[in-house]
Amino acid sequence: MSAFEPKDPDWEVRVRASYARQPFMEHLGAVLSHLAPGEADIAMAFRPELTQQHGFFHAGTTTSIADSAAGYAALTLYPQGTGVLTTEFKINLLNPGRGARLVARGRVLKPGRTLTVCRADVYGLSDGGETHVATGLFSMICLEGMAD
């Protein structure tokens, strides 16, 4: 159970609707696979066009789902009528991105009225388990009057 209380009673409908309007995530084939207050997971199946020259998931795809997972984790706690944008992030690539799919697990570390600090961990999933591919720290801004 989450330790966070959303400010919007309809947070889940609002967050899912916002995600559905993301053409880039759709282009990547990334899906919102878990959602709870302060939490969002985004999964992406392996496709050759998402890889780099060695056949691993490209760092750009890995980073993209990490950023979106962190942002949507933050958005779950924002009030109605607000939106989210990333203001800063730092990501460490720990292992080559490989597996049948990647999952980015975004979690709020510290919510704030203006800035929310989140982390996102990305894992490569295969029959043999999961490998920690990347970890990142993200700052998200709550934009009043810019509903997502």
Protein backbone atom coordinates (compact mmCIF):
# COMPACT_ATOMS: atom_id res chain seq x y z
CA MET A 1 0.00 0.00 0.00
CA SER A 2 1.25 3.48 -0.90
CA ALA A 3 2.24 5.95 1.79
CA PHE A 4 0.98 8.84 -0.35
CA GLU A 5 -2.49 10.36 -0.56
CA PRO A 6 -3.53 11.79 -3.96
CA LYS A 7 -4.92 15.35 -4.00
CA ASP A 8 -7.42 14.46 -6.73
CA PRO A 9 -10.04 11.77 -6.01
CA ASP A 10 -10.13 11.01 -9.76
CA TRP A 11 -6.34 10.78 -10.04
CA GLU A 12 -6.29 7.39 -11.76
CA VAL A 13 -8.68 8.34 -14.57
CA ARG A 14 -6.79 11.62 -15.12
CA VAL A 15 -3.35 9.95 -15.19
CA ARG A 16 -4.45 7.14 -17.52
CA ALA A 17 -6.07 9.66 -19.88
CA SER A 18 -2.88 11.73 -19.93
CA TYR A 19 -0.77 8.68 -20.71
CA ALA A 20 -3.13 7.70 -23.53
CA ARG A 21 -2.38 11.07 -25.18
CA GLN A 22 1.39 10.39 -25.37
CA PRO A 23 2.24 9.66 -29.01
CA PHE A 24 5.91 8.99 -28.22
CA MET A 25 5.15 6.27 -25.68
CA GLU A 26 2.74 4.74 -28.20
CA HIS A 27 5.47 4.90 -30.85
CA LEU A 28 7.83 3.00 -28.53
CA GLY A 29 5.12 0.44 -27.77
CA ALA A 30 5.40 1.35 -24.08
CA VAL A 31 2.40 0.61 -21.85
CA LEU A 32 1.42 1.80 -18.41
CA SER A 33 1.57 -1.51 -16.55
CA HIS A 34 1.12 -0.41 -12.91
CA LEU A 35 -0.35 2.66 -11.27
CA ALA A 36 -0.80 3.56 -7.59
CA PRO A 37 -0.45 6.81 -5.62
CA GLY A 38 3.19 7.83 -6.02
CA GLU A 39 3.94 4.89 -8.33
CA ALA A 40 3.92 4.24 -12.08
CA ASP A 41 5.45 1.40 -14.08
CA ILE A 42 5.94 1.50 -17.83
CA ALA A 43 6.80 -1.66 -19.78
CA MET A 44 8.16 -1.95 -23.31
CA ALA A 45 8.58 -5.15 -25.35
CA PHE A 46 11.79 -5.82 -27.25
CA ARG A 47 11.72 -4.78 -30.90
CA PRO A 48 14.80 -4.51 -33.15
CA GLU A 49 14.02 -0.88 -34.00
CA LEU A 50 14.47 0.04 -30.29
CA THR A 51 18.06 -1.21 -30.19
CA GLN A 52 21.53 0.12 -30.81
CA GLN A 53 24.29 -1.40 -32.93
CA HIS A 54 25.02 -4.27 -30.49
CA GLY A 55 21.39 -5.38 -30.23
CA PHE A 56 20.74 -3.97 -26.74
CA PHE A 57 17.85 -1.61 -26.00
CA HIS A 58 19.08 1.87 -26.91
CA ALA A 59 19.88 4.12 -23.94
CA GLY A 60 17.41 6.63 -25.38
CA THR A 61 14.53 4.16 -25.11
CA THR A 62 15.63 3.11 -21.61
CA THR A 63 15.85 6.73 -20.47
CA SER A 64 12.54 7.66 -22.10
CA ILE A 65 10.50 5.08 -20.21
CA ALA A 66 12.33 5.93 -16.96
CA ASP A 67 11.50 9.63 -17.39
CA SER A 68 7.84 8.93 -18.15
CA ALA A 69 7.49 6.47 -15.25
CA ALA A 70 8.88 9.06 -12.83
CA GLY A 71 6.67 11.79 -14.29
CA TYR A 72 3.50 9.74 -14.07
CA ALA A 73 4.36 8.67 -10.52
CA ALA A 74 4.50 12.38 -9.64
CA LEU A 75 1.30 13.17 -11.53
CA THR A 76 -0.65 10.66 -9.42
CA LEU A 77 -0.21 13.03 -6.47
CA TYR A 78 -0.87 16.35 -8.23
CA PRO A 79 -4.18 18.20 -7.89
CA GLN A 80 -6.78 18.34 -10.64
CA GLY A 81 -6.06 20.99 -13.29
CA THR A 82 -2.28 20.57 -13.13
CA GLY A 83 0.29 18.97 -15.36
CA VAL A 84 3.79 17.58 -15.00
CA LEU A 85 7.10 18.30 -16.72
CA THR A 86 10.60 17.07 -16.00
CA THR A 87 12.94 19.80 -14.79
CA GLU A 88 16.06 17.72 -14.25
CA PHE A 89 17.28 14.15 -14.24
CA LYS A 90 20.41 12.08 -13.78
CA ILE A 91 20.48 8.48 -14.93
CA ASN A 92 23.07 5.76 -14.50
CA LEU A 93 23.14 2.90 -17.00
CA LEU A 94 24.14 -0.13 -14.95
CA ASN A 95 23.93 -3.02 -17.42
CA PRO A 96 23.19 -3.47 -21.11
CA GLY A 97 19.46 -3.27 -21.79
CA ARG A 98 18.50 -6.78 -22.78
CA GLY A 99 15.61 -9.13 -22.32
CA ALA A 100 12.19 -9.77 -23.76
CA ARG A 101 11.06 -6.44 -22.30
CA LEU A 102 12.05 -3.52 -20.14
CA VAL A 103 10.05 -2.18 -17.23
CA ALA A 104 10.64 1.22 -15.64
CA ARG A 105 9.38 1.55 -12.06
CA GLY A 106 8.84 5.19 -11.15
CA ARG A 107 8.43 6.06 -7.47
CA VAL A 108 7.93 9.36 -5.68
CA LEU A 109 10.59 9.94 -3.04
CA LYS A 110 9.45 13.36 -1.82
CA PRO A 111 6.30 15.11 -3.02
CA GLY A 112 6.20 18.88 -3.02
CA ARG A 113 3.81 21.66 -3.89
CA THR A 114 6.00 22.77 -6.81
CA LEU A 115 8.77 20.19 -7.22
CA THR A 116 8.50 16.45 -6.65
CA VAL A 117 11.58 14.25 -6.44
CA CYS A 118 11.25 10.77 -7.94
CA ARG A 119 13.39 7.80 -8.81
CA ALA A 120 13.01 5.33 -11.62
CA ASP A 121 14.65 1.95 -11.89
CA VAL A 122 14.65 0.11 -15.20
CA TYR A 123 14.89 -3.68 -15.39
CA GLY A 124 15.40 -6.04 -18.31
CA LEU A 125 12.99 -8.96 -17.96
CA SER A 126 13.62 -12.42 -19.39
CA ASP A 127 12.84 -16.02 -18.52
CA GLY A 128 15.89 -16.02 -16.28
CA GLY A 129 14.59 -13.18 -14.11
CA GLU A 130 15.36 -9.49 -14.16
CA THR A 131 18.52 -7.43 -14.57
CA HIS A 132 18.84 -3.90 -13.19
CA VAL A 133 19.58 -1.87 -16.32
CA ALA A 134 19.36 1.74 -15.08
CA THR A 135 18.56 3.92 -12.11
CA GLY A 136 17.76 7.60 -12.14
CA LEU A 137 16.80 10.55 -9.98
CA PHE A 138 14.21 12.98 -11.40
CA SER A 139 12.78 16.38 -10.44
CA MET A 140 9.24 17.02 -11.66
CA ILE A 141 7.42 20.35 -11.64
CA CYS A 142 3.70 20.71 -10.98
CA LEU A 143 2.27 23.11 -13.55
CA GLU A 144 -0.89 24.87 -12.41
CA GLY A 145 -3.42 25.65 -15.11
CA MET A 146 -1.88 23.16 -17.54
CA ALA A 147 -3.95 20.04 -17.12
CA ASP A 148 -2.31 16.93 -18.50
